[in-house]
Every structure is written in structure tokens, then in C-alpha cells.
């Protein structure tokens, strides 16, 4: 019976530790969202439309529908 109490205590300690870790991760996530949100706002104001299409790879020409880098 003593073994079960030890196992129960270990499990409770693990759950409490996991709950603390989850709370800390939520705080970190909120801080990151706040920071990235403010950086994103200031980045849009500074760069304007320069970053459009930069994440999608090569931009396509509006007229021909071909990648701009392929027009040699």
C-alpha cells in the first residue's frame, strides 16, 4: 500500500509541474504575440508594400503569368 501512495504523490507532483509549465508557456505566448504584434505594426508602416509576395516565392508577372526570375 505504501508503494501506491508514493506513486500517487509522484503523479500529483508531475501534474502540478505540468500545470505550472503550461501557465508559464501561456504567459510567454502572450508576451510574444504582444511583441510580434507591435513589431508587425511598425514594420508595415516602415516598409509599406515592399514585402508583398516575399513569403510565397518568386512573384509572377501580372501580364504574362510567368515568374519574374524566369524572364531571361
PDB file of N, CA and C in Angstrom:
ATOM      1  N   UNK A   1       0.819  -1.195   0.000  1.00  0.00           N
ATOM      2  CA  UNK A   1       0.000   0.000   0.000  1.00  0.00           C
ATOM      3  C   UNK A   1       0.867   1.264   0.000  1.00  0.00           C
ATOM      4  N   UNK A   2       2.005   1.181   0.641  1.00  0.00           N
ATOM      5  CA  UNK A   2       2.920   2.322   0.709  1.00  0.00           C
ATOM      6  C   UNK A   2       3.430   2.698  -0.688  1.00  0.00           C
ATOM      7  N   UNK A   3       3.643   1.688  -1.543  1.00  0.00           N
ATOM      8  CA  UNK A   3       4.115   1.940  -2.900  1.00  0.00           C
ATOM      9  C   UNK A   3       3.107   2.771  -3.684  1.00  0.00           C
ATOM     10  N   UNK A   4       1.824   2.471  -3.501  1.00  0.00           N
ATOM     11  CA  UNK A   4       0.786   3.208  -4.226  1.00  0.00           C
ATOM     12  C   UNK A   4       0.731   4.672  -3.798  1.00  0.00           C
ATOM     13  N   UNK A   5       0.958   4.928  -2.535  1.00  0.00           N
ATOM     14  CA  UNK A   5       0.972   6.311  -2.055  1.00  0.00           C
ATOM     15  C   UNK A   5       2.132   7.085  -2.678  1.00  0.00           C
ATOM     16  N   UNK A   6       3.273   6.420  -2.774  1.00  0.00           N
ATOM     17  CA  UNK A   6       4.434   7.051  -3.395  1.00  0.00           C
ATOM     18  C   UNK A   6       4.192   7.344  -4.869  1.00  0.00           C
ATOM     19  N   UNK A   7       3.555   6.408  -5.550  1.00  0.00           N
ATOM     20  CA  UNK A   7       3.241   6.600  -6.966  1.00  0.00           C
ATOM     21  C   UNK A   7       2.219   7.719  -7.115  1.00  0.00           C
ATOM     22  N   UNK A   8       1.214   7.740  -6.248  1.00  0.00           N
ATOM     23  CA  UNK A   8       0.198   8.794  -6.291  1.00  0.00           C
ATOM     24  C   UNK A   8       0.809  10.170  -6.075  1.00  0.00           C
ATOM     25  N   UNK A   9       1.733  10.266  -5.115  1.00  0.00           N
ATOM     26  CA  UNK A   9       2.393  11.547  -4.854  1.00  0.00           C
ATOM     27  C   UNK A   9       3.230  11.967  -6.054  1.00  0.00           C
ATOM     28  N   UNK A  10       3.927  11.030  -6.660  1.00  0.00           N
ATOM     29  CA  UNK A  10       4.737  11.340  -7.840  1.00  0.00           C
ATOM     30  C   UNK A  10       3.857  11.842  -8.981  1.00  0.00           C
ATOM     31  N   UNK A  11       2.723  11.201  -9.177  1.00  0.00           N
ATOM     32  CA  UNK A  11       1.810  11.624 -10.238  1.00  0.00           C
ATOM     33  C   UNK A  11       1.248  13.018  -9.965  1.00  0.00           C
ATOM     34  N   UNK A  12       0.898  13.288  -8.709  1.00  0.00           N
ATOM     35  CA  UNK A  12       0.399  14.628  -8.359  1.00  0.00           C
ATOM     36  C   UNK A  12       1.470  15.682  -8.601  1.00  0.00           C
ATOM     37  N   UNK A  13       2.712  15.358  -8.240  1.00  0.00           N
ATOM     38  CA  UNK A  13       3.818  16.288  -8.470  1.00  0.00           C
ATOM     39  C   UNK A  13       4.011  16.549  -9.962  1.00  0.00           C
ATOM     40  N   UNK A  14       3.899  15.497 -10.768  1.00  0.00           N
ATOM     41  CA  UNK A  14       4.033  15.668 -12.214  1.00  0.00           C
ATOM     42  C   UNK A  14       2.924  16.552 -12.779  1.00  0.00           C
ATOM     43  N   UNK A  15       1.704  16.331 -12.341  1.00  0.00           N
ATOM     44  CA  UNK A  15       0.572  17.121 -12.819  1.00  0.00           C
ATOM     45  C   UNK A  15       0.733  18.581 -12.403  1.00  0.00           C
ATOM     46  N   UNK A  16       1.141  18.815 -11.166  1.00  0.00           N
ATOM     47  CA  UNK A  16       1.349  20.195 -10.705  1.00  0.00           C
ATOM     48  C   UNK A  16       2.461  20.874 -11.495  1.00  0.00           C
ATOM     49  N   UNK A  17       3.529  20.153 -11.766  1.00  0.00           N
ATOM     50  CA  UNK A  17       4.618  20.702 -12.558  1.00  0.00           C
ATOM     51  C   UNK A  17       4.163  21.013 -13.976  1.00  0.00           C
ATOM     52  N   UNK A  18       3.354  20.128 -14.549  1.00  0.00           N
ATOM     53  CA  UNK A  18       2.843  20.362 -15.898  1.00  0.00           C
ATOM     54  C   UNK A  18       1.927  21.582 -15.914  1.00  0.00           C
ATOM     55  N   UNK A  19       1.104  21.747 -14.898  1.00  0.00           N
ATOM     56  CA  UNK A  19       0.217  22.907 -14.826  1.00  0.00           C
ATOM     57  C   UNK A  19       1.024  24.205 -14.721  1.00  0.00           C
ATOM     58  N   UNK A  20       2.097  24.186 -13.934  1.00  0.00           N
ATOM     59  CA  UNK A  20       2.963  25.366 -13.837  1.00  0.00           C
ATOM     60  C   UNK A  20       3.610  25.669 -15.179  1.00  0.00           C
ATOM     61  N   UNK A  21       4.095  24.627 -15.857  1.00  0.00           N
ATOM     62  CA  UNK A  21       4.727  24.808 -17.161  1.00  0.00           C
ATOM     63  C   UNK A  21       3.740  25.367 -18.187  1.00  0.00           C
ATOM     64  N   UNK A  22       2.518  24.857 -18.191  1.00  0.00           N
ATOM     65  CA  UNK A  22       1.509  25.337 -19.130  1.00  0.00           C
ATOM     66  C   UNK A  22       1.174  26.803 -18.876  1.00  0.00           C
ATOM     67  N   UNK A  23       1.066  27.182 -17.610  1.00  0.00           N
ATOM     68  CA  UNK A  23       0.782  28.578 -17.275  1.00  0.00           C
ATOM     69  C   UNK A  23       1.929  29.473 -17.735  1.00  0.00           C
ATOM     70  N   UNK A  24       3.155  29.009 -17.550  1.00  0.00           N
ATOM     71  CA  UNK A  24       4.310  29.787 -17.978  1.00  0.00           C
ATOM     72  C   UNK A  24       4.345  29.909 -19.501  1.00  0.00           C
ATOM     73  N   UNK A  25       4.032  28.827 -20.215  1.00  0.00           N
ATOM     74  CA  UNK A  25       4.010  28.878 -21.673  1.00  0.00           C
ATOM     75  C   UNK A  25       2.925  29.830 -22.184  1.00  0.00           C
ATOM     76  N   UNK A  26       1.794  29.861 -21.512  1.00  0.00           N
ATOM     77  CA  UNK A  26       0.731  30.789 -21.901  1.00  0.00           C
ATOM     78  C   UNK A  26       1.184  32.232 -21.726  1.00  0.00           C
ATOM     79  N   UNK A  27       1.889  32.517 -20.616  1.00  0.00           N
ATOM     80  CA  UNK A  27       2.402  33.877 -20.405  1.00  0.00           C
ATOM     81  C   UNK A  27       3.425  34.239 -21.466  1.00  0.00           C
ATOM     82  N   UNK A  28       4.312  33.294 -21.791  1.00  0.00           N
ATOM     83  CA  UNK A  28       5.327  33.540 -22.815  1.00  0.00           C
ATOM     84  C   UNK A  28       4.660  33.774 -24.165  1.00  0.00           C
ATOM     85  N   UNK A  29       3.658  32.964 -24.483  1.00  0.00           N
ATOM     86  CA  UNK A  29       2.947  33.124 -25.745  1.00  0.00           C
ATOM     87  C   UNK A  29       2.269  34.480 -25.841  1.00  0.00           C
ATOM     88  N   UNK A  30       1.667  34.931 -24.759  1.00  0.00           N
ATOM     89  CA  UNK A  30       1.009  36.243 -24.755  1.00  0.00           C
ATOM     90  C   UNK A  30       2.035  37.353 -24.950  1.00  0.00           C
ATOM     91  N   UNK A  31       3.198  37.221 -24.316  1.00  0.00           N
ATOM     92  CA  UNK A  31       4.249  38.231 -24.479  1.00  0.00           C
ATOM     93  C   UNK A  31       4.755  38.258 -25.915  1.00  0.00           C
ATOM     94  N   UNK A  32       4.921  37.075 -26.520  1.00  0.00           N
ATOM     95  CA  UNK A  32       5.405  37.008 -27.893  1.00  0.00           C
ATOM     96  C   UNK A  32       4.384  37.615 -28.854  1.00  0.00           C
ATOM     97  N   UNK A  33       3.116  37.306 -28.667  1.00  0.00           N
ATOM     98  CA  UNK A  33       2.080  37.882 -29.523  1.00  0.00           C
ATOM     99  C   UNK A  33       2.065  39.395 -29.403  1.00  0.00           C
ATOM    100  N   UNK A  34       2.205  39.868 -28.183  1.00  0.00           N
ATOM    101  CA  UNK A  34       2.210  41.319 -27.967  1.00  0.00           C
ATOM    102  C   UNK A  34       3.417  41.947 -28.662  1.00  0.00           C
ATOM    103  N   UNK A  35       4.587  41.340 -28.506  1.00  0.00           N
ATOM    104  CA  UNK A  35       5.805  41.893 -29.108  1.00  0.00           C
ATOM    105  C   UNK A  35       5.747  41.808 -30.623  1.00  0.00           C
ATOM    106  N   UNK A  36       5.383  40.634 -31.174  1.00  0.00           N
ATOM    107  CA  UNK A  36       5.328  40.480 -32.617  1.00  0.00           C
ATOM    108  C   UNK A  36       4.246  41.359 -33.218  1.00  0.00           C
ATOM    109  N   UNK A  37       3.149  41.512 -32.506  1.00  0.00           N
ATOM    110  CA  UNK A  37       2.091  42.375 -32.998  1.00  0.00           C
ATOM    111  C   UNK A  37       2.569  43.800 -33.127  1.00  0.00           C
ATOM    112  N   UNK A  38       3.303  44.300 -32.147  1.00  0.00           N
ATOM    113  CA  UNK A  38       3.798  45.671 -32.208  1.00  0.00           C
ATOM    114  C   UNK A  38       4.901  45.796 -33.247  1.00  0.00           C
ATOM    115  N   UNK A  39       5.744  44.783 -33.414  1.00  0.00           N
ATOM    116  CA  UNK A  39       6.789  44.814 -34.439  1.00  0.00           C
ATOM    117  C   UNK A  39       6.168  44.753 -35.822  1.00  0.00           C
ATOM    118  N   UNK A  40       5.128  43.958 -35.985  1.00  0.00           N
ATOM    119  CA  UNK A  40       4.461  43.824 -37.265  1.00  0.00           C
ATOM    120  C   UNK A  40       3.809  45.150 -37.659  1.00  0.00           C
ATOM    121  N   UNK A  41       3.197  45.817 -36.697  1.00  0.00           N
ATOM    122  CA  UNK A  41       2.570  47.113 -36.960  1.00  0.00           C
ATOM    123  C   UNK A  41       3.621  48.120 -37.421  1.00  0.00           C
ATOM    124  N   UNK A  42       4.742  48.202 -36.706  1.00  0.00           N
ATOM    125  CA  UNK A  42       5.774  49.175 -37.070  1.00  0.00           C
ATOM    126  C   UNK A  42       6.446  48.785 -38.378  1.00  0.00           C
ATOM    127  N   UNK A  43       6.586  47.497 -38.660  1.00  0.00           N
ATOM    128  CA  UNK A  43       7.188  47.042 -39.907  1.00  0.00           C
ATOM    129  C   UNK A  43       6.341  47.402 -41.103  1.00  0.00           C
ATOM    130  N   UNK A  44       5.025  47.292 -40.993  1.00  0.00           N
ATOM    131  CA  UNK A  44       4.145  47.642 -42.093  1.00  0.00           C
ATOM    132  C   UNK A  44       4.208  49.132 -42.382  1.00  0.00           C
ATOM    133  N   UNK A  45       4.306  49.925 -41.347  1.00  0.00           N
ATOM    134  CA  UNK A  45       4.369  51.369 -41.537  1.00  0.00           C
ATOM    135  C   UNK A  45       5.662  51.772 -42.228  1.00  0.00           C
ATOM    136  N   UNK A  46       6.776  51.102 -41.894  1.00  0.00           N
ATOM    137  CA  UNK A  46       8.074  51.465 -42.453  1.00  0.00           C
ATOM    138  C   UNK A  46       8.244  50.934 -43.869  1.00  0.00           C
ATOM    139  N   UNK A  47       7.841  49.672 -44.117  1.00  0.00           N
ATOM    140  CA  UNK A  47       8.120  49.028 -45.392  1.00  0.00           C
ATOM    141  C   UNK A  47       7.035  49.246 -46.430  1.00  0.00           C
ATOM    142  N   UNK A  48       5.855  49.541 -46.045  1.00  0.00           N
ATOM    143  CA  UNK A  48       4.775  49.727 -46.998  1.00  0.00           C
ATOM    144  C   UNK A  48       4.431  48.429 -47.688  1.00  0.00           C
ATOM    145  N   UNK A  49       4.450  48.428 -49.020  1.00  0.00           N
ATOM    146  CA  UNK A  49       4.073  47.251 -49.807  1.00  0.00           C
ATOM    147  C   UNK A  49       5.269  46.427 -50.246  1.00  0.00           C
ATOM    148  N   UNK A  50       6.444  46.691 -49.751  1.00  0.00           N
ATOM    149  CA  UNK A  50       7.649  46.020 -50.215  1.00  0.00           C
ATOM    150  C   UNK A  50       7.639  44.525 -49.961  1.00  0.00           C
ATOM    151  N   UNK A  51       6.968  44.066 -48.896  1.00  0.00           N
ATOM    152  CA  UNK A  51       7.046  42.668 -48.520  1.00  0.00           C
ATOM    153  C   UNK A  51       5.994  41.806 -49.191  1.00  0.00           C
ATOM    154  N   UNK A  52       5.144  42.340 -50.050  1.00  0.00           N
ATOM    155  CA  UNK A  52       4.123  41.532 -50.695  1.00  0.00           C
ATOM    156  C   UNK A  52       4.768  40.480 -51.572  1.00  0.00           C
ATOM    157  N   UNK A  53       4.307  39.232 -51.447  1.00  0.00           N
ATOM    158  CA  UNK A  53       4.811  38.146 -52.262  1.00  0.00           C
ATOM    159  C   UNK A  53       6.140  37.595 -51.816  1.00  0.00           C
ATOM    160  N   UNK A  54       6.779  38.157 -50.825  1.00  0.00           N
ATOM    161  CA  UNK A  54       8.102  37.697 -50.433  1.00  0.00           C
ATOM    162  C   UNK A  54       8.063  36.325 -49.780  1.00  0.00           C
ATOM    163  N   UNK A  55       6.956  35.955 -49.151  1.00  0.00           N
ATOM    164  CA  UNK A  55       6.867  34.667 -48.482  1.00  0.00           C
ATOM    165  C   UNK A  55       6.417  33.574 -49.433  1.00  0.00           C
ATOM    166  N   UNK A  56       5.862  33.915 -50.575  1.00  0.00           N
ATOM    167  CA  UNK A  56       5.309  32.932 -51.495  1.00  0.00           C
ATOM    168  C   UNK A  56       6.285  32.513 -52.578  1.00  0.00           C
ATOM    169  N   UNK A  57       7.516  32.916 -52.496  1.00  0.00           N
ATOM    170  CA  UNK A  57       8.485  32.576 -53.512  1.00  0.00           C
ATOM    171  C   UNK A  57       8.529  33.663 -54.568  1.00  0.00           C
ATOM    172  N   UNK A  58       8.953  33.323 -55.802  1.00  0.00           N
ATOM    173  CA  UNK A  58       9.073  34.347 -56.842  1.00  0.00           C
ATOM    174  C   UNK A  58       7.701  34.903 -57.212  1.00  0.00           C
ATOM    175  N   UNK A  59       7.662  36.206 -57.401  1.00  0.00           N
ATOM    176  CA  UNK A  59       6.412  36.841 -57.796  1.00  0.00           C
ATOM    177  C   UNK A  59       6.167  36.608 -59.273  1.00  0.00           C
ATOM    178  N   UNK A  60       4.896  36.544 -59.656  1.00  0.00           N
ATOM    179  CA  UNK A  60       4.559  36.361 -61.055  1.00  0.00           C
ATOM    180  C   UNK A  60       4.279  37.698 -61.700  1.00  0.00           C
ATOM    181  N   UNK A  61       4.628  37.784 -62.959  1.00  0.00           N
ATOM    182  CA  UNK A  61       4.332  38.984 -63.717  1.00  0.00           C
ATOM    183  C   UNK A  61       2.824  39.072 -63.910  1.00  0.00           C
ATOM    184  N   UNK A  62       2.263  40.232 -63.723  1.00  0.00           N
ATOM    185  CA  UNK A  62       0.830  40.408 -63.862  1.00  0.00           C
ATOM    186  C   UNK A  62       0.382  40.196 -65.302  1.00  0.00           C
ATOM    187  N   UNK A  63       1.219  40.526 -66.270  1.00  0.00           N
ATOM    188  CA  UNK A  63       0.828  40.444 -67.668  1.00  0.00           C
ATOM    189  C   UNK A  63       0.966  39.053 -68.232  1.00  0.00           C
ATOM    190  N   UNK A  64       2.083  38.383 -67.979  1.00  0.00           N
ATOM    191  CA  UNK A  64       2.359  37.109 -68.616  1.00  0.00           C
ATOM    192  C   UNK A  64       2.010  35.902 -67.772  1.00  0.00           C
ATOM    193  N   UNK A  65       1.938  36.043 -66.448  1.00  0.00           N
ATOM    194  CA  UNK A  65       1.662  34.907 -65.578  1.00  0.00           C
ATOM    195  C   UNK A  65       2.855  34.003 -65.388  1.00  0.00           C
ATOM    196  N   UNK A  66       4.053  34.493 -65.697  1.00  0.00           N
ATOM    197  CA  UNK A  66       5.270  33.707 -65.516  1.00  0.00           C
ATOM    198  C   UNK A  66       6.082  34.312 -64.396  1.00  0.00           C
ATOM    199  N   UNK A  67       6.904  33.504 -63.730  1.00  0.00           N
ATOM    200  CA  UNK A  67       7.749  34.070 -62.678  1.00  0.00           C
ATOM    201  C   UNK A  67       8.678  35.131 -63.249  1.00  0.00           C
ATOM    202  N   UNK A  68       8.881  36.178 -62.486  1.00  0.00           N
ATOM    203  CA  UNK A  68       9.744  37.271 -62.925  1.00  0.00           C
ATOM    204  C   UNK A  68      11.188  36.819 -63.116  1.00  0.00           C
ATOM    205  N   UNK A  69      11.628  35.849 -62.308  1.00  0.00           N
ATOM    206  CA  UNK A  69      13.013  35.401 -62.400  1.00  0.00           C
ATOM    207  C   UNK A  69      13.251  34.563 -63.656  1.00  0.00           C
ATOM    208  N   UNK A  70      12.194  34.057 -64.302  1.00  0.00           N
ATOM    209  CA  UNK A  70      12.355  33.207 -65.469  1.00  0.00           C
ATOM    210  C   UNK A  70      12.421  34.003 -66.764  1.00  0.00           C
ATOM    211  N   UNK A  71      12.258  35.296 -66.738  1.00  0.00           N
ATOM    212  CA  UNK A  71      12.281  36.090 -67.976  1.00  0.00           C
ATOM    213  C   UNK A  71      13.704  36.467 -68.334  1.00  0.00           C
ATOM    214  N   UNK A  72      14.384  35.577 -69.065  1.00  0.00           N
ATOM    215  CA  UNK A  72      15.779  35.813 -69.457  1.00  0.00           C
ATOM    216  C   UNK A  72      15.878  36.168 -70.910  1.00  0.00           C
TER     217      UNK A  72
END
